[in-house]
């Protein structure tokens, strides 16, 4: 019973901490691993374990930008932590696909939304929830890397920078991920999803400034359901 309560509240608490840009106890090693030492984590819980550190990193970015006395070393540490998070998310998602042996989603022509537009369709609503949140957290990390790169533009790269270049901020990458989120909305707001589907859209659409108002992804202004 306690485990069910924990996994039920965990997504809400981590997302709330991201909104507040404040670290949470759920980012501590023991809270990411001990609760799942007996019970196998679901894909959503596995994702949350890999992004539970993000609220703390967001807080560190705010402290860095708000205090000129912070050192370049601190900035590089935060930068590397974000790239590590993106790397972990990539490897986790690749493992998820290998385990299933098939794709959890596919992109289809959306005849109702106009020529050239596509819709992303999922194996089930659980995986739709997992992937839209995965993409949302990837965007969060990439946007913070953009802010950090601006701070670090005057200093030499850290020794690990070249190894992590594929995880740097890239506008085209952010646009592509944003398009995946927006093209998933037709699936999530189907009537048969009840309240669960629409409720799952809150963080991917509204938790990231610019996604649903067209600032990051031009079509985003049309998917703010």
N, C-alpha and C. Protein backbone atom coordinates (compact mmCIF):
# COMPACT_ATOMS: atom_id res chain seq x y z
N UNK A 1 0.83 -1.21 0.00
CA UNK A 1 0.00 0.00 0.00
C UNK A 1 0.87 1.26 0.00
N UNK A 2 1.89 1.30 0.88
CA UNK A 2 2.76 2.47 0.94
C UNK A 2 3.51 2.67 -0.38
N UNK A 3 3.92 1.56 -0.99
CA UNK A 3 4.63 1.67 -2.27
C UNK A 3 3.71 2.24 -3.34
N UNK A 4 2.46 1.81 -3.35
CA UNK A 4 1.51 2.32 -4.34
C UNK A 4 1.28 3.82 -4.15
N UNK A 5 1.21 4.25 -2.90
CA UNK A 5 1.06 5.68 -2.63
C UNK A 5 2.29 6.45 -3.09
N UNK A 6 3.46 5.87 -2.84
CA UNK A 6 4.70 6.53 -3.23
C UNK A 6 4.77 6.73 -4.74
N UNK A 7 4.54 5.66 -5.50
CA UNK A 7 4.65 5.78 -6.96
C UNK A 7 3.52 6.63 -7.52
N UNK A 8 2.39 6.71 -6.81
CA UNK A 8 1.30 7.56 -7.27
C UNK A 8 1.59 9.03 -7.12
N UNK A 9 2.23 9.41 -6.01
CA UNK A 9 2.52 10.82 -5.75
C UNK A 9 3.84 11.28 -6.37
N UNK A 10 4.70 10.35 -6.68
CA UNK A 10 6.05 10.69 -7.15
C UNK A 10 6.05 11.58 -8.41
N UNK A 11 5.27 11.25 -9.45
CA UNK A 11 5.28 12.14 -10.63
C UNK A 11 4.86 13.56 -10.29
N UNK A 12 3.80 13.70 -9.49
CA UNK A 12 3.31 15.02 -9.12
C UNK A 12 4.37 15.81 -8.37
N UNK A 13 5.04 15.18 -7.41
CA UNK A 13 6.02 15.87 -6.58
C UNK A 13 7.24 16.31 -7.39
N UNK A 14 7.70 15.47 -8.30
CA UNK A 14 8.87 15.82 -9.11
C UNK A 14 8.53 16.94 -10.09
N UNK A 15 7.37 16.85 -10.73
CA UNK A 15 6.96 17.89 -11.67
C UNK A 15 6.73 19.21 -10.94
N UNK A 16 6.13 19.14 -9.75
CA UNK A 16 5.94 20.35 -8.95
C UNK A 16 7.28 20.99 -8.60
N UNK A 17 8.26 20.17 -8.25
CA UNK A 17 9.59 20.68 -7.93
C UNK A 17 10.24 21.32 -9.16
N UNK A 18 9.99 20.77 -10.33
CA UNK A 18 10.52 21.37 -11.57
C UNK A 18 9.89 22.73 -11.81
N UNK A 19 8.58 22.83 -11.62
CA UNK A 19 7.91 24.11 -11.79
C UNK A 19 8.50 25.15 -10.84
N UNK A 20 8.75 24.73 -9.59
CA UNK A 20 9.28 25.65 -8.58
C UNK A 20 10.78 25.86 -8.72
N UNK A 21 11.43 25.02 -9.52
CA UNK A 21 12.89 25.05 -9.68
C UNK A 21 13.57 24.95 -8.32
N UNK A 22 13.08 23.98 -7.53
CA UNK A 22 13.61 23.73 -6.19
C UNK A 22 13.94 22.24 -6.06
N UNK A 23 15.07 21.94 -5.45
CA UNK A 23 15.45 20.54 -5.28
C UNK A 23 14.44 19.81 -4.41
N UNK A 24 14.36 18.51 -4.58
CA UNK A 24 13.44 17.67 -3.84
C UNK A 24 14.19 16.46 -3.28
N UNK A 25 13.72 15.97 -2.16
CA UNK A 25 14.34 14.78 -1.55
C UNK A 25 14.27 13.58 -2.49
N UNK A 26 13.33 13.62 -3.45
CA UNK A 26 13.20 12.50 -4.38
C UNK A 26 14.38 12.39 -5.33
N UNK A 27 15.24 13.41 -5.35
CA UNK A 27 16.45 13.36 -6.16
C UNK A 27 17.61 12.69 -5.46
N UNK A 28 17.43 12.34 -4.17
CA UNK A 28 18.49 11.65 -3.43
C UNK A 28 18.60 10.20 -3.88
N UNK A 29 19.81 9.67 -3.86
CA UNK A 29 20.08 8.33 -4.36
C UNK A 29 19.16 7.29 -3.71
N UNK A 30 19.01 7.37 -2.39
CA UNK A 30 18.22 6.34 -1.71
C UNK A 30 16.75 6.36 -2.12
N UNK A 31 16.23 7.56 -2.41
CA UNK A 31 14.82 7.67 -2.82
C UNK A 31 14.62 7.25 -4.26
N UNK A 32 15.68 7.21 -5.04
CA UNK A 32 15.57 6.76 -6.43
C UNK A 32 15.71 5.25 -6.56
N UNK A 33 16.36 4.61 -5.57
CA UNK A 33 16.69 3.20 -5.73
C UNK A 33 16.04 2.28 -4.70
N UNK A 34 16.03 2.66 -3.43
CA UNK A 34 15.51 1.75 -2.39
C UNK A 34 14.05 1.37 -2.62
N UNK A 35 13.15 2.31 -2.98
CA UNK A 35 11.75 1.91 -3.19
C UNK A 35 11.56 0.88 -4.29
N UNK A 36 12.55 0.74 -5.17
CA UNK A 36 12.41 -0.21 -6.28
C UNK A 36 13.38 -1.38 -6.15
N UNK A 37 13.89 -1.58 -4.94
CA UNK A 37 14.79 -2.71 -4.71
C UNK A 37 14.02 -4.03 -4.66
N UNK A 38 12.72 -3.95 -4.39
CA UNK A 38 11.87 -5.14 -4.36
C UNK A 38 10.91 -5.15 -5.54
N UNK A 39 10.26 -4.00 -5.76
CA UNK A 39 9.28 -3.89 -6.83
C UNK A 39 9.94 -3.35 -8.10
N UNK A 40 9.70 -4.02 -9.21
CA UNK A 40 10.23 -3.57 -10.49
C UNK A 40 9.57 -2.26 -10.91
N UNK A 41 10.36 -1.24 -11.24
CA UNK A 41 9.75 0.03 -11.63
C UNK A 41 9.07 -0.06 -12.99
N UNK A 42 7.95 0.62 -13.12
CA UNK A 42 7.29 0.73 -14.41
C UNK A 42 8.12 1.65 -15.31
N UNK A 43 7.85 1.69 -16.61
CA UNK A 43 8.59 2.63 -17.47
C UNK A 43 8.51 4.07 -16.98
N UNK A 44 7.35 4.50 -16.50
CA UNK A 44 7.22 5.87 -16.01
C UNK A 44 8.10 6.09 -14.79
N UNK A 45 8.12 5.12 -13.87
CA UNK A 45 8.95 5.26 -12.68
C UNK A 45 10.43 5.20 -13.03
N UNK A 46 10.78 4.40 -14.03
CA UNK A 46 12.15 4.37 -14.50
C UNK A 46 12.58 5.71 -15.06
N UNK A 47 11.67 6.34 -15.81
CA UNK A 47 11.95 7.68 -16.33
C UNK A 47 12.14 8.68 -15.20
N UNK A 48 11.26 8.64 -14.21
CA UNK A 48 11.34 9.59 -13.09
C UNK A 48 12.65 9.45 -12.32
N UNK A 49 13.15 8.23 -12.21
CA UNK A 49 14.43 8.04 -11.51
C UNK A 49 15.57 8.74 -12.23
N UNK A 50 15.44 8.86 -13.53
CA UNK A 50 16.51 9.49 -14.32
C UNK A 50 16.38 11.00 -14.42
N UNK A 51 15.23 11.53 -14.09
CA UNK A 51 15.08 12.99 -14.16
C UNK A 51 14.83 13.61 -12.77
N UNK A 52 14.88 12.80 -11.72
CA UNK A 52 14.62 13.33 -10.38
C UNK A 52 15.65 14.36 -9.95
N UNK A 53 16.81 14.34 -10.58
CA UNK A 53 17.86 15.31 -10.26
C UNK A 53 17.61 16.67 -10.92
N UNK A 54 16.74 16.72 -11.91
CA UNK A 54 16.55 17.95 -12.69
C UNK A 54 16.10 19.14 -11.83
N UNK A 55 15.15 18.99 -10.88
CA UNK A 55 14.78 20.15 -10.05
C UNK A 55 15.98 20.77 -9.33
N UNK A 56 16.88 19.93 -8.82
CA UNK A 56 18.07 20.44 -8.15
C UNK A 56 18.97 21.19 -9.12
N UNK A 57 19.10 20.68 -10.34
CA UNK A 57 19.93 21.36 -11.34
C UNK A 57 19.32 22.70 -11.74
N UNK A 58 17.99 22.76 -11.84
CA UNK A 58 17.33 24.03 -12.16
C UNK A 58 17.59 25.06 -11.07
N UNK A 59 17.55 24.61 -9.82
CA UNK A 59 17.84 25.52 -8.70
C UNK A 59 19.28 26.00 -8.78
N UNK A 60 20.20 25.11 -9.11
CA UNK A 60 21.61 25.50 -9.21
C UNK A 60 21.84 26.50 -10.35
N UNK A 61 21.11 26.35 -11.45
CA UNK A 61 21.23 27.32 -12.54
C UNK A 61 20.79 28.70 -12.07
N UNK A 62 19.66 28.76 -11.36
CA UNK A 62 19.17 30.05 -10.86
C UNK A 62 20.17 30.68 -9.89
N UNK A 63 20.76 29.86 -9.02
CA UNK A 63 21.75 30.38 -8.08
C UNK A 63 23.00 30.87 -8.82
N UNK A 64 23.40 30.15 -9.85
CA UNK A 64 24.57 30.54 -10.64
C UNK A 64 24.34 31.87 -11.33
N UNK A 65 23.19 32.00 -11.99
CA UNK A 65 22.91 33.22 -12.74
C UNK A 65 22.61 34.41 -11.83
N UNK A 66 22.20 34.11 -10.60
CA UNK A 66 21.87 35.19 -9.66
C UNK A 66 23.03 35.63 -8.81
N UNK A 67 24.17 34.96 -8.95
CA UNK A 67 25.33 35.29 -8.12
C UNK A 67 26.58 35.37 -8.98
N UNK A 68 27.05 36.57 -9.29
CA UNK A 68 28.25 36.72 -10.11
C UNK A 68 29.49 36.07 -9.51
N UNK A 69 29.46 35.82 -8.21
CA UNK A 69 30.63 35.25 -7.54
C UNK A 69 30.78 33.75 -7.82
N UNK A 70 29.74 33.13 -8.38
CA UNK A 70 29.84 31.71 -8.70
C UNK A 70 30.95 31.49 -9.72
N UNK A 71 31.71 30.42 -9.55
CA UNK A 71 32.87 30.17 -10.40
C UNK A 71 32.48 29.48 -11.71
N UNK A 72 33.38 29.58 -12.69
CA UNK A 72 33.18 28.87 -13.95
C UNK A 72 33.15 27.36 -13.72
N UNK A 73 33.90 26.91 -12.72
CA UNK A 73 33.90 25.48 -12.40
C UNK A 73 32.51 25.01 -12.03
N UNK A 74 31.80 25.81 -11.22
CA UNK A 74 30.43 25.46 -10.85
C UNK A 74 29.54 25.38 -12.09
N UNK A 75 29.73 26.33 -13.00
CA UNK A 75 28.92 26.35 -14.22
C UNK A 75 29.18 25.09 -15.06
N UNK A 76 30.45 24.71 -15.17
CA UNK A 76 30.76 23.50 -15.93
C UNK A 76 30.20 22.25 -15.25
N UNK A 77 30.23 22.23 -13.93
CA UNK A 77 29.67 21.08 -13.20
C UNK A 77 28.18 20.92 -13.51
N UNK A 78 27.46 22.04 -13.51
CA UNK A 78 26.03 21.99 -13.81
C UNK A 78 25.81 21.60 -15.27
N UNK A 79 26.61 22.19 -16.15
CA UNK A 79 26.51 21.87 -17.58
C UNK A 79 26.69 20.36 -17.79
N UNK A 80 27.73 19.81 -17.18
CA UNK A 80 28.00 18.37 -17.34
C UNK A 80 26.90 17.52 -16.73
N UNK A 81 26.30 17.99 -15.64
CA UNK A 81 25.20 17.25 -15.02
C UNK A 81 24.00 17.18 -15.96
N UNK A 82 23.72 18.26 -16.66
CA UNK A 82 22.61 18.25 -17.63
C UNK A 82 22.92 17.33 -18.81
N UNK A 83 24.16 17.38 -19.31
CA UNK A 83 24.49 16.50 -20.43
C UNK A 83 24.48 15.04 -19.99
N UNK A 84 24.89 14.77 -18.75
CA UNK A 84 24.80 13.41 -18.23
C UNK A 84 23.36 12.95 -18.16
N UNK A 85 22.47 13.85 -17.75
CA UNK A 85 21.05 13.51 -17.68
C UNK A 85 20.51 13.18 -19.06
N UNK A 86 20.85 13.99 -20.06
CA UNK A 86 20.41 13.72 -21.43
C UNK A 86 20.98 12.40 -21.94
N UNK A 87 22.23 12.13 -21.61
CA UNK A 87 22.84 10.87 -22.01
C UNK A 87 22.12 9.69 -21.37
N UNK A 88 21.84 9.80 -20.08
CA UNK A 88 21.13 8.73 -19.37
C UNK A 88 19.74 8.51 -19.95
N UNK A 89 19.06 9.59 -20.31
CA UNK A 89 17.72 9.46 -20.91
C UNK A 89 17.80 8.76 -22.26
N UNK A 90 18.81 9.09 -23.04
CA UNK A 90 18.96 8.46 -24.34
C UNK A 90 19.20 6.96 -24.20
N UNK A 91 20.13 6.58 -23.34
CA UNK A 91 20.45 5.17 -23.17
C UNK A 91 19.28 4.41 -22.56
N UNK A 92 18.55 5.06 -21.64
CA UNK A 92 17.38 4.42 -21.03
C UNK A 92 16.32 4.16 -22.09
N UNK A 93 16.06 5.14 -22.95
CA UNK A 93 15.03 4.98 -23.99
C UNK A 93 15.44 3.91 -24.99
N UNK A 94 16.72 3.85 -25.33
CA UNK A 94 17.20 2.81 -26.23
C UNK A 94 16.99 1.43 -25.61
N UNK A 95 17.26 1.30 -24.31
CA UNK A 95 17.04 0.03 -23.62
C UNK A 95 15.58 -0.34 -23.58
N UNK A 96 14.72 0.65 -23.41
CA UNK A 96 13.28 0.42 -23.40
C UNK A 96 12.82 -0.17 -24.73
N UNK A 97 13.33 0.38 -25.82
CA UNK A 97 12.95 -0.11 -27.15
C UNK A 97 13.51 -1.51 -27.40
N UNK A 98 14.71 -1.77 -26.92
CA UNK A 98 15.29 -3.11 -27.11
C UNK A 98 14.49 -4.16 -26.36
N UNK A 99 14.04 -3.82 -25.16
CA UNK A 99 13.27 -4.77 -24.36
C UNK A 99 11.95 -5.13 -25.03
N UNK A 100 11.31 -4.15 -25.64
CA UNK A 100 10.00 -4.40 -26.25
C UNK A 100 10.13 -5.12 -27.58
N UNK A 101 11.23 -4.88 -28.29
CA UNK A 101 11.40 -5.49 -29.59
C UNK A 101 10.58 -4.82 -30.69
N UNK A 102 9.84 -3.79 -30.34
CA UNK A 102 9.04 -3.06 -31.32
C UNK A 102 8.89 -1.61 -30.88
N UNK A 103 8.44 -0.78 -31.78
CA UNK A 103 8.30 0.64 -31.48
C UNK A 103 7.07 0.88 -30.60
N UNK A 104 7.21 1.81 -29.66
CA UNK A 104 6.09 2.17 -28.80
C UNK A 104 5.21 3.25 -29.45
N UNK A 105 5.70 3.86 -30.51
CA UNK A 105 4.89 4.88 -31.19
C UNK A 105 5.27 4.93 -32.66
N UNK A 106 4.38 5.49 -33.45
CA UNK A 106 4.65 5.71 -34.86
C UNK A 106 4.00 7.01 -35.29
N UNK A 107 4.52 7.59 -36.33
CA UNK A 107 3.98 8.85 -36.84
C UNK A 107 3.18 8.58 -38.10
N UNK A 108 1.94 9.07 -38.10
CA UNK A 108 1.00 8.81 -39.17
C UNK A 108 0.50 10.11 -39.78
N UNK A 109 0.10 10.07 -41.05
CA UNK A 109 -0.54 11.25 -41.63
C UNK A 109 -1.82 11.58 -40.87
N UNK A 110 -2.04 12.85 -40.62
CA UNK A 110 -3.25 13.27 -39.89
C UNK A 110 -4.18 13.97 -40.86
N UNK A 111 -5.09 13.21 -41.45
CA UNK A 111 -5.95 13.76 -42.49
C UNK A 111 -6.83 14.88 -41.98
N UNK A 112 -7.17 14.86 -40.70
CA UNK A 112 -8.06 15.87 -40.16
C UNK A 112 -7.34 17.17 -39.82
N UNK A 113 -6.01 17.15 -39.81
CA UNK A 113 -5.27 18.34 -39.38
C UNK A 113 -4.61 19.08 -40.53
N UNK A 114 -4.83 18.62 -41.75
CA UNK A 114 -4.31 19.37 -42.88
C UNK A 114 -3.12 18.69 -43.53
N UNK A 115 -2.92 18.98 -44.80
CA UNK A 115 -1.85 18.36 -45.57
C UNK A 115 -0.48 18.67 -44.98
N UNK A 116 0.34 17.65 -44.90
CA UNK A 116 1.70 17.85 -44.41
C UNK A 116 1.85 17.66 -42.92
N UNK A 117 0.76 17.67 -42.17
CA UNK A 117 0.84 17.49 -40.73
C UNK A 117 0.78 16.01 -40.39
N UNK A 118 1.37 15.66 -39.28
CA UNK A 118 1.38 14.27 -38.84
C UNK A 118 0.85 14.19 -37.42
N UNK A 119 0.49 12.98 -37.04
CA UNK A 119 0.11 12.74 -35.65
C UNK A 119 0.92 11.57 -35.13
N UNK A 120 1.28 11.61 -33.87
CA UNK A 120 2.04 10.53 -33.26
C UNK A 120 1.09 9.63 -32.50
N UNK A 121 1.11 8.34 -32.84
CA UNK A 121 0.19 7.37 -32.27
C UNK A 121 0.97 6.35 -31.45
N UNK A 122 0.43 5.98 -30.29
CA UNK A 122 1.16 5.16 -29.33
C UNK A 122 0.56 3.78 -29.17
N UNK A 123 1.38 2.89 -28.63
CA UNK A 123 0.92 1.53 -28.35
C UNK A 123 -0.19 1.53 -27.32
N UNK A 124 -0.07 2.40 -26.30
CA UNK A 124 -1.10 2.55 -25.28
C UNK A 124 -0.90 3.89 -24.58
N UNK A 125 -1.85 4.25 -23.73
CA UNK A 125 -1.79 5.56 -23.09
C UNK A 125 -0.65 5.65 -22.08
N UNK A 126 -0.28 4.52 -21.49
CA UNK A 126 0.84 4.52 -20.55
C UNK A 126 2.13 4.96 -21.25
N UNK A 127 2.37 4.39 -22.42
CA UNK A 127 3.59 4.74 -23.14
C UNK A 127 3.50 6.14 -23.74
N UNK A 128 2.30 6.59 -24.06
CA UNK A 128 2.14 7.98 -24.51
C UNK A 128 2.55 8.93 -23.40
N UNK A 129 2.15 8.61 -22.18
CA UNK A 129 2.50 9.42 -21.02
C UNK A 129 4.01 9.41 -20.80
N UNK A 130 4.61 8.23 -20.91
CA UNK A 130 6.06 8.11 -20.73
C UNK A 130 6.82 8.94 -21.76
N UNK A 131 6.46 8.77 -23.02
CA UNK A 131 7.23 9.44 -24.07
C UNK A 131 7.03 10.94 -24.10
N UNK A 132 5.82 11.42 -23.88
CA UNK A 132 5.63 12.87 -23.89
C UNK A 132 6.38 13.53 -22.74
N UNK A 133 6.47 12.84 -21.59
CA UNK A 133 7.24 13.39 -20.47
C UNK A 133 8.75 13.26 -20.72
N UNK A 134 9.17 12.17 -21.34
CA UNK A 134 10.58 12.03 -21.72
C UNK A 134 10.98 13.19 -22.63
N UNK A 135 10.19 13.45 -23.65
CA UNK A 135 10.51 14.54 -24.58
C UNK A 135 10.50 15.89 -23.88
N UNK A 136 9.54 16.07 -22.98
CA UNK A 136 9.46 17.35 -22.27
C UNK A 136 10.71 17.60 -21.43
N UNK A 137 11.17 16.58 -20.73
CA UNK A 137 12.37 16.76 -19.90
C UNK A 137 13.62 16.91 -20.75
N UNK A 138 13.64 16.30 -21.92
CA UNK A 138 14.77 16.55 -22.82
C UNK A 138 14.83 18.02 -23.22
N UNK A 139 13.67 18.60 -23.50
CA UNK A 139 13.63 20.02 -23.86
C UNK A 139 14.07 20.89 -22.69
N UNK A 140 13.60 20.56 -21.49
CA UNK A 140 14.02 21.31 -20.30
C UNK A 140 15.54 21.34 -20.20
N UNK A 141 16.16 20.17 -20.34
CA UNK A 141 17.63 20.09 -20.23
C UNK A 141 18.31 20.88 -21.34
N UNK A 142 17.81 20.77 -22.55
CA UNK A 142 18.42 21.47 -23.68
C UNK A 142 18.32 22.98 -23.53
N UNK A 143 17.18 23.46 -23.06
CA UNK A 143 17.02 24.91 -22.88
C UNK A 143 17.93 25.44 -21.78
N UNK A 144 18.13 24.65 -20.73
CA UNK A 144 19.05 25.08 -19.68
C UNK A 144 20.50 25.06 -20.17
N UNK A 145 20.82 24.11 -21.03
CA UNK A 145 22.16 24.08 -21.61
C UNK A 145 22.41 25.33 -22.45
N UNK A 146 21.37 25.80 -23.14
CA UNK A 146 21.52 27.03 -23.92
C UNK A 146 21.88 28.20 -23.00
N UNK A 147 21.20 28.29 -21.86
CA UNK A 147 21.49 29.37 -20.90
C UNK A 147 22.92 29.25 -20.36
N UNK A 148 23.33 28.03 -20.06
CA UNK A 148 24.67 27.82 -19.52
C UNK A 148 25.75 28.09 -20.56
N UNK A 149 25.49 27.74 -21.80
CA UNK A 149 26.47 28.01 -22.85
C UNK A 149 26.72 29.50 -22.99
N UNK A 150 25.67 30.30 -22.80
CA UNK A 150 25.84 31.75 -22.87
C UNK A 150 26.75 32.25 -21.75
N UNK A 151 26.61 31.64 -20.57
CA UNK A 151 27.45 32.02 -19.43
C UNK A 151 28.90 31.59 -19.66
N UNK A 152 29.07 30.43 -20.29
CA UNK A 152 30.40 29.84 -20.43
C UNK A 152 31.08 30.19 -21.75
N UNK A 153 30.47 31.06 -22.52
CA UNK A 153 31.00 31.37 -23.85
C UNK A 153 32.40 31.99 -23.81
N UNK A 154 32.76 32.57 -22.66
CA UNK A 154 34.05 33.28 -22.56
C UNK A 154 35.16 32.41 -21.98
N UNK A 155 34.84 31.16 -21.62
CA UNK A 155 35.86 30.31 -20.99
C UNK A 155 36.14 29.09 -21.86
N UNK A 156 37.27 28.47 -21.61
CA UNK A 156 37.64 27.28 -22.36
C UNK A 156 36.74 26.12 -21.97
N UNK A 157 36.43 25.23 -22.92
CA UNK A 157 35.58 24.08 -22.61
C UNK A 157 36.21 23.19 -21.55
N UNK A 158 35.36 22.50 -20.82
CA UNK A 158 35.85 21.54 -19.83
C UNK A 158 36.43 20.33 -20.57
N UNK A 159 37.24 19.52 -19.88
CA UNK A 159 37.85 18.36 -20.54
C UNK A 159 36.84 17.39 -21.14
N UNK A 160 35.62 17.33 -20.58
CA UNK A 160 34.62 16.38 -21.07
C UNK A 160 33.71 16.98 -22.12
N UNK A 161 33.94 18.25 -22.50
CA UNK A 161 33.01 18.94 -23.39
C UNK A 161 32.90 18.24 -24.74
N UNK A 162 34.03 17.86 -25.33
CA UNK A 162 34.00 17.25 -26.66
C UNK A 162 33.27 15.91 -26.66
N UNK A 163 33.30 15.20 -25.52
CA UNK A 163 32.61 13.92 -25.43
C UNK A 163 31.11 14.09 -25.34
N UNK A 164 30.66 15.28 -24.98
CA UNK A 164 29.24 15.52 -24.76
C UNK A 164 28.63 16.46 -25.81
N UNK A 165 29.36 16.70 -26.90
CA UNK A 165 28.92 17.70 -27.85
C UNK A 165 27.56 17.35 -28.45
N UNK A 166 27.23 16.04 -28.56
CA UNK A 166 25.96 15.66 -29.16
C UNK A 166 24.78 16.01 -28.28
N UNK A 167 25.04 16.36 -27.01
CA UNK A 167 23.95 16.71 -26.10
C UNK A 167 23.85 18.21 -25.87
N UNK A 168 24.59 18.99 -26.63
CA UNK A 168 24.50 20.45 -26.49
C UNK A 168 23.17 20.94 -27.04
N UNK A 169 22.86 22.20 -26.67
CA UNK A 169 21.64 22.82 -27.19
C UNK A 169 21.72 22.92 -28.70
N UNK A 170 20.63 22.53 -29.34
CA UNK A 170 20.51 22.63 -30.79
C UNK A 170 19.06 22.96 -31.11
N UNK A 171 18.85 24.10 -31.77
CA UNK A 171 17.48 24.55 -32.01
C UNK A 171 16.68 23.55 -32.83
N UNK A 172 17.30 22.95 -33.83
CA UNK A 172 16.58 21.98 -34.65
C UNK A 172 16.16 20.77 -33.83
N UNK A 173 17.01 20.38 -32.90
CA UNK A 173 16.67 19.25 -32.04
C UNK A 173 15.47 19.59 -31.16
N UNK A 174 15.47 20.80 -30.60
CA UNK A 174 14.36 21.23 -29.76
C UNK A 174 13.07 21.31 -30.57
N UNK A 175 13.15 21.82 -31.80
CA UNK A 175 11.98 21.89 -32.67
C UNK A 175 11.44 20.50 -32.97
N UNK A 176 12.33 19.56 -33.23
CA UNK A 176 11.91 18.20 -33.55
C UNK A 176 11.20 17.56 -32.36
N UNK A 177 11.77 17.72 -31.17
CA UNK A 177 11.15 17.13 -29.98
C UNK A 177 9.82 17.81 -29.69
N UNK A 178 9.76 19.13 -29.85
CA UNK A 178 8.51 19.85 -29.63
C UNK A 178 7.43 19.38 -30.58
N UNK A 179 7.82 19.09 -31.82
CA UNK A 179 6.84 18.61 -32.79
C UNK A 179 6.29 17.25 -32.39
N UNK A 180 7.13 16.40 -31.78
CA UNK A 180 6.66 15.10 -31.30
C UNK A 180 5.62 15.28 -30.19
N UNK A 181 5.88 16.22 -29.28
CA UNK A 181 4.92 16.47 -28.20
C UNK A 181 3.59 16.95 -28.77
N UNK A 182 3.65 17.95 -29.63
CA UNK A 182 2.42 18.54 -30.16
C UNK A 182 1.64 17.55 -31.02
N UNK A 183 2.36 16.72 -31.77
CA UNK A 183 1.67 15.75 -32.63
C UNK A 183 1.11 14.57 -31.84
N UNK A 184 1.41 14.51 -30.53
CA UNK A 184 0.87 13.45 -29.67
C UNK A 184 -0.48 13.81 -29.06
N UNK A 185 -0.88 15.06 -29.18
CA UNK A 185 -2.07 15.52 -28.48
C UNK A 185 -3.35 14.88 -28.99
N UNK A 186 -3.43 14.63 -30.31
CA UNK A 186 -4.63 14.00 -30.85
C UNK A 186 -4.87 12.64 -30.20
N UNK A 187 -3.78 11.92 -29.94
CA UNK A 187 -3.92 10.62 -29.28
C UNK A 187 -4.39 10.78 -27.84
N UNK A 188 -3.80 11.70 -27.11
CA UNK A 188 -4.07 11.82 -25.68
C UNK A 188 -5.44 12.41 -25.36
N UNK A 189 -6.03 13.17 -26.27
CA UNK A 189 -7.32 13.79 -25.95
C UNK A 189 -8.50 13.02 -26.55
N UNK A 190 -8.27 11.78 -26.96
CA UNK A 190 -9.39 10.96 -27.42
C UNK A 190 -10.40 10.78 -26.28
N UNK A 191 -11.66 10.67 -26.64
CA UNK A 191 -12.72 10.53 -25.63
C UNK A 191 -12.50 9.31 -24.74
N UNK A 192 -12.01 8.21 -25.34
CA UNK A 192 -11.85 6.99 -24.55
C UNK A 192 -10.74 7.09 -23.51
N UNK A 193 -9.94 8.12 -23.56
CA UNK A 193 -8.89 8.31 -22.55
C UNK A 193 -9.45 8.86 -21.24
N UNK A 194 -10.69 9.32 -21.26
CA UNK A 194 -11.27 9.92 -20.05
C UNK A 194 -10.47 11.14 -19.64
N UNK A 195 -10.25 11.27 -18.34
CA UNK A 195 -9.49 12.41 -17.83
C UNK A 195 -7.98 12.15 -17.84
N UNK A 196 -7.60 10.86 -17.87
CA UNK A 196 -6.19 10.53 -17.75
C UNK A 196 -5.37 11.09 -18.91
N UNK A 197 -5.89 10.93 -20.14
CA UNK A 197 -5.16 11.42 -21.30
C UNK A 197 -4.91 12.91 -21.26
N UNK A 198 -5.99 13.73 -21.17
CA UNK A 198 -5.78 15.18 -21.11
C UNK A 198 -4.93 15.62 -19.92
N UNK A 199 -5.09 14.94 -18.77
CA UNK A 199 -4.30 15.31 -17.60
C UNK A 199 -2.81 15.07 -17.85
N UNK A 200 -2.51 14.09 -18.70
CA UNK A 200 -1.12 13.77 -19.00
C UNK A 200 -0.44 14.83 -19.86
N UNK A 201 -1.24 15.72 -20.44
CA UNK A 201 -0.67 16.73 -21.34
C UNK A 201 -0.17 17.96 -20.61
N UNK A 202 -0.49 18.10 -19.32
CA UNK A 202 -0.23 19.37 -18.64
C UNK A 202 1.25 19.74 -18.65
N UNK A 203 2.10 18.86 -18.15
CA UNK A 203 3.52 19.21 -18.09
C UNK A 203 4.16 19.32 -19.48
N UNK A 204 3.95 18.33 -20.37
CA UNK A 204 4.58 18.47 -21.69
C UNK A 204 4.18 19.75 -22.43
N UNK A 205 2.93 20.19 -22.28
CA UNK A 205 2.49 21.38 -23.00
C UNK A 205 2.72 22.67 -22.22
N UNK A 206 2.38 22.65 -20.94
CA UNK A 206 2.36 23.90 -20.18
C UNK A 206 3.52 24.03 -19.20
N UNK A 207 4.29 22.96 -19.02
CA UNK A 207 5.39 23.02 -18.07
C UNK A 207 6.66 23.59 -18.66
N UNK A 208 6.69 23.78 -19.98
CA UNK A 208 7.88 24.29 -20.65
C UNK A 208 7.51 25.57 -21.38
N UNK A 209 7.97 26.71 -20.93
CA UNK A 209 7.63 27.97 -21.59
C UNK A 209 8.01 27.94 -23.07
N UNK A 210 7.04 28.28 -23.92
CA UNK A 210 7.34 28.39 -25.34
C UNK A 210 6.85 27.25 -26.19
N UNK A 211 6.54 26.08 -25.58
CA UNK A 211 6.14 24.94 -26.40
C UNK A 211 4.74 25.13 -26.97
N UNK A 212 3.78 25.50 -26.12
CA UNK A 212 2.40 25.56 -26.60
C UNK A 212 1.98 26.95 -27.04
N UNK A 213 2.85 27.94 -26.97
CA UNK A 213 2.46 29.27 -27.43
C UNK A 213 3.16 29.67 -28.73
N UNK A 214 3.89 28.71 -29.31
CA UNK A 214 4.50 28.96 -30.61
C UNK A 214 5.88 29.57 -30.56
N UNK A 215 6.42 29.87 -29.38
CA UNK A 215 7.74 30.50 -29.31
C UNK A 215 8.85 29.52 -29.69
N UNK A 216 8.71 28.26 -29.25
CA UNK A 216 9.72 27.25 -29.59
C UNK A 216 9.34 26.54 -30.88
N UNK A 217 8.09 26.08 -30.92
CA UNK A 217 7.62 25.30 -32.07
C UNK A 217 6.42 26.01 -32.67
N UNK A 218 6.51 26.51 -33.91
CA UNK A 218 5.43 27.33 -34.47
C UNK A 218 4.06 26.68 -34.42
N UNK A 219 3.98 25.35 -34.65
CA UNK A 219 2.68 24.70 -34.61
C UNK A 219 2.15 24.57 -33.20
N UNK A 220 3.01 24.83 -32.21
CA UNK A 220 2.61 24.64 -30.82
C UNK A 220 1.41 25.45 -30.43
N UNK A 221 1.24 26.62 -31.03
CA UNK A 221 0.10 27.47 -30.65
C UNK A 221 -1.22 26.81 -31.03
N UNK A 222 -1.16 25.81 -31.93
CA UNK A 222 -2.38 25.14 -32.36
C UNK A 222 -2.66 23.88 -31.54
N UNK A 223 -1.75 23.51 -30.62
CA UNK A 223 -1.96 22.27 -29.87
C UNK A 223 -2.16 22.53 -28.40
N UNK A 224 -2.45 23.76 -28.00
CA UNK A 224 -2.68 24.09 -26.60
C UNK A 224 -4.13 23.80 -26.25
N UNK A 225 -4.44 22.52 -26.06
CA UNK A 225 -5.82 22.11 -25.80
C UNK A 225 -6.26 22.56 -24.42
